[in-house]
């Protein structure tokens, strides 16, 4: 496995109050990991940063 593609698993189900009746993939990156992936040319994340919408942003630090 390419070490650059390994993403740590984070359980956010208890952190984000979502009650949805459809499949949902929640993707969580640290600011450092996000910057690295964009620098590597990750087109998926580049598109999200250009066109995506933030659904939830924690105020906790």
N, C-alpha and C. Protein backbone atom coordinates (compact mmCIF):
# COMPACT_ATOMS: atom_id res chain seq x y z
N UNK A 1 0.84 -1.18 0.00
CA UNK A 1 0.00 0.00 0.00
C UNK A 1 0.88 1.24 0.00
N UNK A 2 0.51 2.22 -0.78
CA UNK A 2 1.22 3.48 -0.83
C UNK A 2 0.95 4.24 0.46
N UNK A 3 1.99 4.56 1.23
CA UNK A 3 1.82 5.23 2.52
C UNK A 3 1.13 6.58 2.38
N UNK A 4 1.29 7.24 1.24
CA UNK A 4 0.66 8.55 1.04
C UNK A 4 -0.86 8.43 0.98
N UNK A 5 -1.37 7.27 0.63
CA UNK A 5 -2.81 7.11 0.47
C UNK A 5 -3.50 6.60 1.73
N UNK A 6 -2.73 6.22 2.73
CA UNK A 6 -3.32 5.72 3.97
C UNK A 6 -3.96 6.87 4.72
N UNK A 7 -5.23 6.71 5.08
CA UNK A 7 -5.97 7.75 5.80
C UNK A 7 -6.37 7.20 7.15
N UNK A 8 -6.04 7.91 8.23
CA UNK A 8 -6.44 7.42 9.55
C UNK A 8 -7.96 7.40 9.67
N UNK A 9 -8.48 6.37 10.31
CA UNK A 9 -9.92 6.25 10.49
C UNK A 9 -10.33 7.01 11.74
N UNK A 10 -11.35 7.82 11.60
CA UNK A 10 -11.86 8.61 12.72
C UNK A 10 -13.35 8.34 12.83
N UNK A 11 -13.81 8.02 14.03
CA UNK A 11 -15.23 7.79 14.24
C UNK A 11 -15.88 9.12 14.61
N UNK A 12 -16.60 9.69 13.66
CA UNK A 12 -17.23 10.99 13.88
C UNK A 12 -18.73 10.87 14.10
N UNK A 13 -19.24 9.66 14.14
CA UNK A 13 -20.68 9.47 14.27
C UNK A 13 -21.25 10.12 15.52
N UNK A 14 -20.50 10.13 16.61
CA UNK A 14 -20.97 10.74 17.85
C UNK A 14 -20.69 12.23 17.89
N UNK A 15 -19.80 12.72 17.03
CA UNK A 15 -19.42 14.13 17.02
C UNK A 15 -20.32 14.99 16.16
N UNK A 16 -20.90 14.41 15.13
CA UNK A 16 -21.71 15.16 14.18
C UNK A 16 -23.15 14.67 14.28
N UNK A 17 -24.06 15.56 14.63
CA UNK A 17 -25.46 15.15 14.78
C UNK A 17 -26.16 15.02 13.42
N UNK A 18 -26.00 13.87 12.78
CA UNK A 18 -26.61 13.63 11.48
C UNK A 18 -27.64 12.51 11.60
N UNK A 19 -28.83 12.79 11.17
CA UNK A 19 -29.87 11.77 11.10
C UNK A 19 -30.31 11.71 9.65
N UNK A 20 -29.67 10.84 8.88
CA UNK A 20 -29.95 10.76 7.45
C UNK A 20 -30.51 9.39 7.11
N UNK A 21 -31.30 9.35 6.06
CA UNK A 21 -31.91 8.10 5.62
C UNK A 21 -31.27 7.59 4.34
N UNK A 22 -30.05 8.01 4.09
CA UNK A 22 -29.32 7.59 2.89
C UNK A 22 -27.86 7.40 3.26
N UNK A 23 -27.13 6.72 2.39
CA UNK A 23 -25.71 6.48 2.63
C UNK A 23 -24.93 7.78 2.63
N UNK A 24 -23.98 7.89 3.52
CA UNK A 24 -23.19 9.11 3.63
C UNK A 24 -21.77 8.74 4.03
N UNK A 25 -20.81 9.19 3.27
CA UNK A 25 -19.40 9.00 3.63
C UNK A 25 -18.88 10.31 4.18
N UNK A 26 -18.41 10.29 5.42
CA UNK A 26 -17.83 11.47 6.05
C UNK A 26 -16.32 11.31 5.98
N UNK A 27 -15.67 12.25 5.34
CA UNK A 27 -14.21 12.19 5.17
C UNK A 27 -13.60 13.29 6.03
N UNK A 28 -12.67 12.90 6.90
CA UNK A 28 -12.05 13.85 7.82
C UNK A 28 -10.54 13.85 7.59
N UNK A 29 -9.98 15.04 7.37
CA UNK A 29 -8.54 15.20 7.24
C UNK A 29 -8.07 16.26 8.21
N UNK A 30 -6.86 16.09 8.73
CA UNK A 30 -6.25 17.16 9.50
C UNK A 30 -5.82 18.23 8.51
N UNK A 31 -5.65 19.47 8.94
CA UNK A 31 -5.18 20.50 8.01
C UNK A 31 -3.86 20.12 7.32
N UNK A 32 -2.98 19.46 8.06
CA UNK A 32 -1.70 19.04 7.49
C UNK A 32 -1.90 17.99 6.39
N UNK A 33 -2.74 16.98 6.68
CA UNK A 33 -2.99 15.93 5.68
C UNK A 33 -3.67 16.50 4.44
N UNK A 34 -4.59 17.41 4.64
CA UNK A 34 -5.28 18.03 3.51
C UNK A 34 -4.29 18.79 2.63
N UNK A 35 -3.43 19.58 3.25
CA UNK A 35 -2.43 20.34 2.49
C UNK A 35 -1.49 19.41 1.73
N UNK A 36 -1.09 18.30 2.36
CA UNK A 36 -0.20 17.34 1.69
C UNK A 36 -0.88 16.73 0.47
N UNK A 37 -2.12 16.32 0.61
CA UNK A 37 -2.82 15.66 -0.50
C UNK A 37 -3.06 16.63 -1.65
N UNK A 38 -3.37 17.87 -1.34
CA UNK A 38 -3.54 18.88 -2.40
C UNK A 38 -2.20 19.11 -3.10
N UNK A 39 -1.11 19.17 -2.33
CA UNK A 39 0.22 19.36 -2.92
C UNK A 39 0.60 18.19 -3.82
N UNK A 40 0.11 16.98 -3.50
CA UNK A 40 0.38 15.80 -4.33
C UNK A 40 -0.49 15.76 -5.57
N UNK A 41 -1.44 16.71 -5.67
CA UNK A 41 -2.27 16.75 -6.87
C UNK A 41 -3.54 15.92 -6.77
N UNK A 42 -4.07 15.73 -5.56
CA UNK A 42 -5.29 14.96 -5.37
C UNK A 42 -6.46 15.73 -5.99
N UNK A 43 -6.89 15.30 -7.18
CA UNK A 43 -7.93 16.03 -7.91
C UNK A 43 -9.28 15.99 -7.19
N UNK A 44 -9.55 14.91 -6.46
CA UNK A 44 -10.80 14.81 -5.70
C UNK A 44 -10.88 15.94 -4.67
N UNK A 45 -9.81 16.12 -3.88
CA UNK A 45 -9.81 17.16 -2.87
C UNK A 45 -9.74 18.55 -3.49
N UNK A 46 -9.03 18.70 -4.59
CA UNK A 46 -8.98 20.00 -5.26
C UNK A 46 -10.38 20.42 -5.71
N UNK A 47 -11.16 19.49 -6.23
CA UNK A 47 -12.52 19.79 -6.65
C UNK A 47 -13.40 20.14 -5.45
N UNK A 48 -13.24 19.40 -4.35
CA UNK A 48 -14.02 19.69 -3.15
C UNK A 48 -13.69 21.08 -2.63
N UNK A 49 -12.42 21.44 -2.59
CA UNK A 49 -12.04 22.76 -2.10
C UNK A 49 -12.55 23.88 -3.00
N UNK A 50 -12.66 23.61 -4.28
CA UNK A 50 -13.12 24.62 -5.22
C UNK A 50 -14.65 24.74 -5.25
N UNK A 51 -15.36 23.61 -5.08
CA UNK A 51 -16.80 23.61 -5.29
C UNK A 51 -17.61 23.09 -4.11
N UNK A 52 -16.96 22.56 -3.10
CA UNK A 52 -17.67 21.90 -2.00
C UNK A 52 -18.34 22.86 -1.04
N UNK A 53 -19.18 22.29 -0.19
CA UNK A 53 -19.92 23.04 0.82
C UNK A 53 -19.65 22.41 2.18
N UNK A 54 -19.31 23.22 3.18
CA UNK A 54 -19.09 22.72 4.53
C UNK A 54 -20.45 22.47 5.17
N UNK A 55 -20.68 21.23 5.60
CA UNK A 55 -21.94 20.88 6.24
C UNK A 55 -21.89 21.04 7.74
N UNK A 56 -20.71 20.89 8.32
CA UNK A 56 -20.55 20.99 9.77
C UNK A 56 -19.12 21.38 10.04
N UNK A 57 -18.93 22.35 10.92
CA UNK A 57 -17.59 22.75 11.33
C UNK A 57 -17.60 22.93 12.82
N UNK A 58 -16.76 22.19 13.50
CA UNK A 58 -16.70 22.25 14.96
C UNK A 58 -16.09 23.56 15.42
N UNK A 59 -16.62 24.08 16.52
CA UNK A 59 -16.03 25.28 17.12
C UNK A 59 -15.03 24.91 18.19
N UNK A 60 -14.95 23.62 18.52
CA UNK A 60 -14.00 23.15 19.54
C UNK A 60 -12.60 23.12 18.94
N UNK A 61 -11.63 23.39 19.76
CA UNK A 61 -10.24 23.36 19.26
C UNK A 61 -9.51 22.13 19.68
